[in-house]
Protein backbone atom coordinates (compact mmCIF):
# COMPACT_ATOMS: atom_id res chain seq x y z
CA MET A 1 67.66 -37.94 -35.27
CA ILE A 2 70.69 -38.27 -32.98
CA ASN A 3 72.03 -35.18 -31.26
CA HIS A 4 75.24 -34.75 -29.30
CA ASP A 5 75.79 -32.09 -26.67
CA SER A 6 77.87 -31.57 -23.56
CA SER A 7 75.26 -32.92 -21.15
CA PHE A 8 73.40 -35.74 -22.88
CA GLU A 9 75.72 -37.38 -25.33
CA ARG A 10 73.09 -39.12 -27.42
CA ALA A 11 69.47 -38.17 -27.96
CA GLN A 12 66.86 -39.29 -30.45
CA TYR A 13 63.62 -37.56 -31.30
CA LYS A 14 60.62 -39.26 -32.92
CA PRO A 15 56.92 -38.95 -31.93
CA TYR A 16 58.58 -39.40 -28.54
CA PHE A 17 62.09 -38.68 -27.35
CA SER A 18 64.82 -40.81 -25.78
CA ILE A 19 67.91 -39.37 -24.17
CA PHE A 20 70.86 -41.38 -22.91
CA HIS A 21 74.00 -40.20 -21.14
CA LYS A 22 76.88 -42.55 -21.86
CA ASN A 23 78.95 -41.68 -18.80
CA THR A 24 76.25 -41.88 -16.12
CA GLY A 25 73.80 -44.31 -17.67
CA GLN A 26 70.94 -41.88 -17.12
CA PHE A 27 68.09 -42.57 -19.52
CA ILE A 28 64.89 -40.64 -20.16
CA ARG A 29 62.04 -41.54 -22.50
CA GLY A 30 58.86 -39.54 -22.94
CA ASN A 31 56.29 -38.02 -25.28
CA GLU A 32 56.99 -34.98 -27.37
CA PRO A 33 54.94 -31.96 -26.18
CA ASP A 34 52.55 -32.16 -29.15
CA SER A 35 52.07 -35.94 -28.95
CA GLU A 36 49.03 -37.41 -27.20
CA ASP A 37 49.92 -41.05 -27.83
CA ASP A 38 51.64 -43.16 -25.19
CA VAL A 39 55.19 -44.24 -25.96
CA PHE A 40 54.79 -47.85 -27.11
CA TRP A 41 57.71 -48.91 -29.31
CA SER A 42 60.73 -47.73 -31.22
CA GLU A 43 59.70 -48.08 -34.84
CA GLU A 44 63.19 -47.69 -36.33
CA CYS A 45 65.37 -49.99 -34.23
CA PRO A 46 65.63 -51.41 -30.70
CA GLU A 47 67.26 -49.03 -28.22
CA MET A 48 68.92 -51.86 -26.31
CA LEU A 49 70.31 -55.16 -27.61
CA ASP A 50 70.96 -58.25 -25.52
CA ILE A 51 73.62 -60.25 -27.37
CA SER A 52 74.84 -63.70 -26.41
CA ILE A 53 78.48 -63.83 -27.49
CA THR A 54 78.94 -67.39 -26.29
CA GLY A 55 76.88 -70.40 -25.31
CA MET A 56 79.76 -71.67 -23.19
CA CYS A 57 79.52 -71.88 -19.41
CA ASN A 58 81.09 -74.34 -16.99
CA ARG A 59 78.60 -74.08 -14.12
CA GLU A 60 75.65 -75.93 -15.68
CA CYS A 61 73.16 -74.43 -13.19
CA ASP A 62 69.82 -76.22 -12.98
CA PHE A 63 67.92 -72.94 -13.50
CA CYS A 64 69.83 -71.69 -16.58
CA TYR A 65 67.26 -70.29 -19.00
CA ARG A 66 69.79 -70.49 -21.88
CA ASN A 67 70.74 -74.11 -21.20
CA SER A 68 74.41 -73.11 -21.55
CA LYS A 69 77.05 -75.86 -21.66
CA PRO A 70 80.83 -76.27 -21.34
CA ASP A 71 81.05 -76.96 -25.08
CA GLY A 72 78.83 -74.08 -26.18
CA ASN A 73 79.64 -72.14 -29.36
CA HIS A 74 81.09 -68.62 -29.61
CA LEU A 75 79.73 -65.80 -31.76
CA PRO A 76 82.52 -64.92 -34.24
CA VAL A 77 83.66 -61.31 -33.96
CA GLY A 78 83.21 -60.87 -37.72
CA LYS A 79 79.53 -61.77 -37.43
CA LEU A 80 79.09 -59.36 -34.54
CA ARG A 81 80.58 -56.63 -36.72
CA PHE A 82 78.22 -57.65 -39.52
CA VAL A 83 75.25 -56.87 -37.27
CA LEU A 84 76.65 -53.71 -35.72
CA ASP A 85 77.46 -52.28 -39.14
CA GLN A 86 73.74 -52.45 -39.97
CA ILE A 87 72.70 -50.32 -36.98
CA LYS A 88 75.64 -47.98 -36.47
CA ASP A 89 73.55 -44.95 -37.45
CA ASN A 90 70.59 -45.88 -35.23
CA PHE A 91 69.94 -45.04 -31.61
CA ILE A 92 71.36 -48.14 -29.94
CA CYS A 93 72.37 -46.75 -26.57
CA GLN A 94 73.42 -49.96 -24.81
CA ILE A 95 74.45 -53.51 -25.60
CA ALA A 96 74.15 -56.11 -22.85
CA LEU A 97 76.50 -59.02 -23.45
CA GLY A 98 75.54 -62.40 -22.10
CA GLY A 99 75.75 -66.10 -22.71
CA GLY A 100 76.92 -68.44 -21.43
CA ASN A 101 79.71 -66.79 -19.53
CA PRO A 102 80.98 -63.87 -21.67
CA PRO A 103 84.59 -63.83 -20.39
CA LEU A 104 85.02 -67.32 -21.87
CA HIS A 105 84.86 -65.86 -25.37
CA PRO A 106 88.48 -65.96 -26.65
CA GLU A 107 88.20 -62.37 -27.98
CA PHE A 108 86.25 -60.91 -25.08
CA PRO A 109 88.45 -57.82 -24.42
CA GLU A 110 88.47 -57.00 -28.14
CA ILE A 111 84.67 -57.24 -28.26
CA LEU A 112 84.35 -54.69 -25.45
CA ARG A 113 86.80 -52.35 -27.19
CA MET A 114 85.15 -52.74 -30.58
CA ILE A 115 81.64 -51.98 -29.35
CA ARG A 116 82.69 -48.84 -27.49
CA GLU A 117 85.43 -47.43 -29.73
CA ASP A 118 84.36 -48.51 -33.21
CA TYR A 119 80.60 -48.09 -32.80
CA GLY A 120 80.23 -45.63 -29.93
CA ILE A 121 77.86 -47.94 -28.03
CA VAL A 122 78.18 -48.63 -24.31
CA PRO A 123 78.67 -52.35 -23.55
CA ASN A 124 77.63 -53.99 -20.29
CA TYR A 125 77.75 -57.63 -19.35
CA THR A 126 76.78 -60.19 -16.75
CA TYR A 127 78.99 -63.13 -15.81
CA ASN A 128 79.01 -65.86 -13.20
CA GLY A 129 81.99 -64.64 -11.19
CA CYS A 130 84.51 -66.91 -12.91
CA ASP A 131 86.94 -66.76 -15.84
CA LEU A 132 87.47 -62.97 -16.02
CA SER A 133 91.16 -62.46 -16.85
CA ASP A 134 93.17 -59.40 -15.84
CA GLU A 135 93.03 -58.29 -19.48
CA GLY A 136 89.24 -58.62 -19.42
CA LEU A 137 89.12 -56.69 -16.14
CA ASP A 138 91.14 -53.82 -17.64
CA ALA A 139 88.94 -53.74 -20.75
CA SER A 140 85.84 -53.71 -18.55
CA GLU A 141 87.08 -50.69 -16.63
CA LYS A 142 87.95 -48.85 -19.83
CA TYR A 143 84.91 -49.58 -22.00
CA CYS A 144 81.92 -50.79 -19.95
CA GLY A 145 79.15 -48.79 -18.39
CA ALA A 146 78.62 -51.45 -15.71
CA VAL A 147 79.33 -55.10 -14.98
CA ALA A 148 77.05 -57.49 -13.10
CA VAL A 149 78.06 -60.62 -11.21
CA SER A 150 75.39 -63.29 -10.84
CA TRP A 151 74.72 -64.09 -7.20
CA TYR A 152 74.49 -67.83 -6.64
CA ASP A 153 74.70 -69.87 -3.47
CA ASP A 154 78.49 -69.35 -3.31
CA GLU A 155 78.38 -66.10 -1.34
CA LYS A 156 82.13 -65.94 -0.64
CA ARG A 157 83.08 -66.16 -4.31
CA TRP A 158 80.44 -63.59 -5.26
CA PHE A 159 81.68 -61.21 -2.56
CA ALA A 160 85.32 -61.62 -3.63
CA GLU A 161 84.58 -61.07 -7.33
CA THR A 162 82.36 -58.02 -6.85
CA THR A 163 85.03 -56.56 -4.56
CA ARG A 164 87.63 -57.15 -7.28
CA LEU A 165 85.52 -55.19 -9.78
CA ILE A 166 84.81 -52.34 -7.35
CA ILE A 167 88.51 -51.95 -6.53
CA ALA A 168 89.21 -51.75 -10.28
CA GLY A 169 86.87 -48.75 -10.50
CA ILE A 170 84.04 -50.52 -12.34
CA LYS A 171 80.40 -49.75 -11.62
CA THR A 172 79.37 -53.11 -10.20
CA ASN A 173 75.95 -54.71 -9.81
CA ALA A 174 74.64 -58.03 -8.59
CA HIS A 175 72.12 -60.04 -10.61
CA PHE A 176 69.97 -62.31 -8.49
CA VAL A 177 67.51 -64.80 -10.03
CA LEU A 178 64.32 -64.56 -7.99
CA SER A 179 62.48 -67.88 -7.75
CA SER A 180 60.27 -69.68 -5.25
CA LYS A 181 63.45 -71.39 -4.00
CA SER A 182 65.55 -68.23 -3.63
CA ILE A 183 63.06 -65.57 -2.53
CA LYS A 184 63.55 -66.09 1.22
CA TYR A 185 67.29 -65.71 0.71
CA ALA A 186 66.64 -62.51 -1.25
CA THR A 187 64.51 -61.18 1.60
CA ARG A 188 67.43 -61.76 3.97
CA ILE A 189 69.66 -59.71 1.65
CA LEU A 190 67.23 -56.78 1.75
CA ASN A 191 66.93 -57.14 5.52
CA GLY A 192 70.68 -56.59 5.81
CA GLU A 193 71.34 -60.08 7.15
CA LEU A 194 73.92 -60.81 4.44
CA SER A 195 76.94 -58.63 3.73
CA VAL A 196 77.52 -56.81 0.46
CA PRO A 197 80.77 -55.05 -0.48
CA ASP A 198 81.11 -51.34 0.13
CA GLY A 199 80.63 -49.56 -3.16
CA LEU A 200 78.20 -52.05 -4.70
CA ASN A 201 75.99 -50.03 -7.04
CA ALA A 202 72.84 -52.15 -7.13
CA ILE A 203 71.25 -55.54 -6.76
CA VAL A 204 68.97 -56.30 -9.71
CA PHE A 205 66.41 -59.05 -9.23
CA LEU A 206 65.66 -61.13 -12.33
CA THR A 207 62.50 -63.19 -12.65
CA HIS A 208 62.95 -66.96 -12.90
CA LYS A 209 61.49 -68.36 -16.12
CA PRO A 210 60.45 -71.95 -16.94
CA VAL A 211 62.58 -72.06 -20.07
CA GLY A 212 65.90 -73.78 -20.80
CA LYS A 213 66.71 -75.70 -17.63
CA GLY A 214 64.31 -73.56 -15.59
CA LYS A 215 61.56 -75.53 -13.85
CA GLU A 216 57.91 -74.54 -13.67
CA SER A 217 57.88 -75.55 -10.00
CA ASP A 218 60.50 -72.89 -9.19
CA CYS A 219 58.48 -69.96 -10.57
CA LEU A 220 57.26 -67.26 -8.21
CA VAL A 221 53.65 -67.56 -7.09
CA ALA A 222 51.36 -64.55 -7.37
CA GLY A 223 49.93 -63.54 -4.00
CA SER A 224 52.15 -65.92 -2.03
CA GLU A 225 53.27 -64.99 1.46
CA GLU A 226 56.92 -65.22 0.41
CA LEU A 227 56.41 -62.75 -2.45
CA ARG A 228 54.47 -60.31 -0.27
CA SER A 229 57.11 -60.53 2.47
CA PHE A 230 59.85 -59.82 -0.05
CA LEU A 231 58.04 -56.79 -1.49
CA ASN A 232 57.21 -55.45 1.97
CA THR A 233 60.85 -55.73 2.94
CA PHE A 234 61.86 -53.98 -0.27
CA SER A 235 59.37 -51.16 0.35
CA ASN A 236 60.07 -50.61 4.04
CA HIS A 237 63.83 -50.94 4.37
CA LYS A 238 66.55 -48.55 3.34
CA HIS A 239 69.61 -50.09 1.75
CA GLY A 240 73.16 -48.96 1.17
CA PHE A 241 72.76 -49.95 -2.47
CA LYS A 242 70.17 -49.48 -5.20
CA VAL A 243 67.58 -52.17 -5.89
CA GLY A 244 66.28 -52.90 -9.38
CA PHE A 245 64.02 -55.39 -11.14
CA ASP A 246 63.70 -56.64 -14.68
CA SER A 247 60.60 -55.53 -16.56
CA CYS A 248 59.18 -59.08 -16.26
CA PHE A 249 58.47 -58.17 -12.63
CA ALA A 250 56.36 -55.10 -13.46
CA SER A 251 53.00 -56.70 -12.69
CA ALA A 252 54.19 -57.48 -9.14
CA ILE A 253 55.66 -54.01 -8.63
CA VAL A 254 52.59 -52.22 -9.93
CA GLU A 255 50.10 -53.98 -7.67
CA GLN A 256 52.09 -54.69 -4.54
CA SER A 257 54.26 -51.62 -4.09
CA GLU A 258 53.83 -47.87 -4.10
CA ILE A 259 56.51 -47.04 -6.67
CA ASN A 260 55.50 -44.30 -9.06
CA PRO A 261 54.94 -45.95 -12.50
CA ILE A 262 56.96 -43.19 -14.15
CA TYR A 263 60.08 -44.98 -12.89
CA TYR A 264 59.51 -48.35 -14.57
CA ASP A 265 58.03 -49.97 -17.65
CA TYR A 266 56.22 -53.19 -18.44
CA CYS A 267 57.73 -55.77 -20.82
CA GLU A 268 60.03 -54.01 -23.29
CA ALA A 269 60.64 -57.05 -25.51
CA GLY A 270 59.92 -56.27 -29.14
CA ARG A 271 59.16 -52.66 -28.18
CA PHE A 272 62.52 -51.22 -27.15
CA SER A 273 64.78 -54.25 -26.72
CA ALA A 274 65.64 -57.49 -28.49
CA PHE A 275 67.94 -60.49 -28.22
CA ILE A 276 70.56 -61.94 -30.59
CA SER A 277 71.81 -65.48 -29.95
CA GLU A 278 75.36 -66.68 -30.53
CA ASP A 279 74.22 -68.32 -33.79
CA LEU A 280 72.95 -64.92 -35.02
CA PHE A 281 69.22 -65.48 -34.65
CA PHE A 282 67.05 -62.54 -33.61
CA TYR A 283 64.28 -62.74 -30.99
CA PRO A 284 62.08 -60.30 -29.05
CA CYS A 285 63.82 -61.44 -25.86
CA SER A 286 66.20 -64.08 -24.57
CA PHE A 287 63.33 -66.16 -23.13
CA ALA A 288 61.68 -66.51 -26.54
CA GLU A 289 63.96 -68.94 -28.38
CA GLN A 290 61.29 -71.64 -28.39
CA LEU A 291 59.17 -69.38 -30.61
CA GLY A 292 61.76 -69.44 -33.39
CA GLY A 293 64.11 -66.65 -34.39
CA ILE A 294 64.96 -64.67 -37.50
CA ASN A 295 68.32 -65.45 -39.13
CA LEU A 296 70.18 -62.14 -39.35
CA GLU A 297 72.47 -63.56 -42.01
CA HIS A 298 69.45 -63.66 -44.32
CA THR A 299 67.31 -60.76 -43.07
CA PRO A 300 68.55 -57.26 -42.12
CA LEU A 301 68.05 -56.47 -38.45
CA VAL A 302 65.91 -53.39 -39.03
CA GLU A 303 63.59 -55.31 -41.36
CA ALA A 304 63.31 -58.16 -38.87
CA TRP A 305 62.58 -55.68 -36.08
CA GLU A 306 59.85 -53.87 -38.00
CA THR A 307 58.01 -56.74 -39.70
CA GLY A 308 59.22 -60.07 -38.24
CA LYS A 309 56.19 -62.12 -37.17
CA GLN A 310 57.64 -62.84 -33.73
CA PHE A 311 58.03 -59.12 -33.05
CA VAL A 312 54.63 -58.21 -34.45
CA ARG A 313 53.09 -60.90 -32.23
CA PHE A 314 54.79 -59.56 -29.11
CA ARG A 315 53.73 -56.00 -29.80
CA SER A 316 50.16 -57.08 -30.55
CA PHE A 317 49.97 -58.98 -27.26
CA LEU A 318 51.31 -56.09 -25.21
CA GLN A 319 49.23 -53.44 -26.96
CA THR A 320 46.03 -55.20 -25.86
CA THR A 321 45.53 -55.17 -22.09
CA GLN A 322 45.56 -58.77 -20.92
CA CYS A 323 44.36 -58.53 -17.34
CA ASP A 324 41.50 -57.10 -15.30
CA CYS A 325 43.53 -55.47 -12.53
CA ASP A 326 43.33 -51.81 -11.55
CA PHE A 327 46.71 -51.06 -13.10
CA GLN A 328 46.19 -52.26 -16.66
CA SER A 329 48.27 -49.60 -18.40
CA ASN A 330 51.37 -50.54 -16.36
CA CYS A 331 50.79 -54.25 -15.74
CA ARG A 332 49.83 -55.56 -19.21
CA GLY A 333 49.19 -59.05 -17.91
CA GLY A 334 52.71 -60.27 -17.37
CA CYS A 335 54.96 -62.25 -19.69
CA PRO A 336 53.84 -62.76 -23.32
CA ILE A 337 55.72 -66.07 -23.47
CA ASP A 338 54.54 -68.16 -20.55
CA GLY A 339 51.38 -66.21 -19.66
CA ARG A 340 52.63 -65.55 -16.15
CA ALA A 341 51.51 -62.51 -14.18
CA PHE A 342 52.15 -61.55 -10.58
CA CYS A 343 49.02 -59.46 -10.29
CA THR A 344 46.25 -61.29 -8.44
CA SER A 345 43.42 -60.31 -10.79
CA PRO A 346 42.21 -63.00 -13.19
CA LEU A 347 43.70 -62.97 -16.67
CA LYS A 348 41.59 -62.66 -19.76
CA LYS A 349 41.67 -65.65 -22.10
CA ARG A 350 44.69 -65.42 -24.40
């Protein structure tokens, strides 16, 4: 059931409840008072969709998990509508647009407008700091909940582009891919050694994955001095901006920091979130394309979500504790795809 009131604009009640405020981005999920079961997954539909609207990107970074290219394909707007029409009555509170570089889609401003005005869903997106037109900037200010700029080695360009967004009145974040190569640089950011624009909302650290162009040798190492130094810096320093992590990082957070687990979740893929590629294939997450996807032109999204073998496999993996650490209920053994965990306890055989 979806409710609308003056405070929380969308709320859904099942054996658990989820509440989302469109204007602030505040989100709450918890058990109903008479429910003893932990909240594990949304049985009706994912609450958040990650949608690649284009496979096109001109940077060709050597760590790109999507293996995006300058000649990548775009998702036709009609096909995006085809999917959104199927879920317009469900509790989809956010859509994260990605790629590729989303502003390269020839109908990018229209996509932002359509998602917010025609379907009442809040769009967000991440881009590489290039190719955002003035029209796209205006549409972002009008329709998006937040926009993230990927932080690469070109600090001046990143600073200029985030400043441009902030001046336009857009809630602006940085996305930083955390790898064995970049973690010392990230520690310097948290130490205040590198400047960030006034008004930056948050820096969100994303875990490097050995998929696409990503290399196994660049993955973070559990228990390494660099990782511990980074987490100590995060825990002990106050920042003028928020700091966030993707759920892939939960097993590091749970063991090596003192954050209350009520504020984060382990892997949400196939439980509360899912990914749609620009060719309209459906996956538990954007790192899972090598497992094979479900063609949404042949299978309705809700059916694929509920019974698709890839999704059932993910949920089965995550429902069974996969590690022997002291924080099993919040760690869950790390990533279901590459078997990586940042906890230092041995993993059970998978």
